[in-house]
């Protein structure tokens, strides 16, 4: 065995992840015979069988599982090599792939990216949104370089650096008659428009209500902070959101915010792989995110 073919490795990983050769072929925009040939060539090169069928699903053999466990490391090493030489390419300092949640993408990142673009016009930045678990998985697989996520975030291969405390606030239509501070009992009889389930933001809010023995009257659940604020401003209910996403002056209908008692906050952290080579582009992005987080108003 002289070398491994990355296309063959990715075809193998896709077959296992998706459970079939046809699904892997669709993802890679190839024919099924082409994927099958790549797998056969990889098995011939390694001298072992990598895939077996369990029912209708393609599953890894023990040898296949051993290889699959190392595909992420192989991808990371290749990307690190590319990052290391990217700065030598004329007119560029490389490409950086950022993963974060929707709120940070709308309210936190734009100014950071604008400043980076002015300072480093040759830097290419790609942003992908998702919840914490999705971003962490992509970082571990090296399909993202850095993440700005809501804690908790854990992984043996990850370096996690808390950078920002973002308090939550209650939001109401401007004309709502509400006290200066909002506790869980103030929301007992109010219809709530909440962020959709599945992410840390919603879990934090649910836990805050549950700790006071309150089951929120959720009438709507959405994945868009802007949509939630518009509905609240239109008088359909109240909501609880991170202060980062509760800034005034961005909605069609006027809204007002109130602090929570007891206080509630989420912790944001920067995440990279421990073995990630910090090329110049990634280093500049990381430093800019840390600076912006340090200067971000928390009140």
Foldseek 3Di string as FASTA:
>chain_A
DPDDDLVLLQLLLQLAVVFHLCRSCVVVVHHSVVSVVSQVVRCVVVVHHFWDDDPSGIHGDPVNVVSNVCSLVVVLVVVLVCQQCQCVPPLANEEAEEEEAPLCVVQPCPVLVVVCCVVRVRYHYHYDYDAQVVRLVCQSSVVHFKYKHWDDDDDPQKDKFWFAKWWKWKKAAPPDDDDQEDELVSQQPWEEEEEAPDHPFRVQVCVRNVVVVGDGNYPHYYNDLQVRNQCRNVPRTMYMGTPSSVDADPYPGGMDIHAYVVIGIIIIIMMHGPPHDCGPSNVSSVVSSNVSRNPPDRD
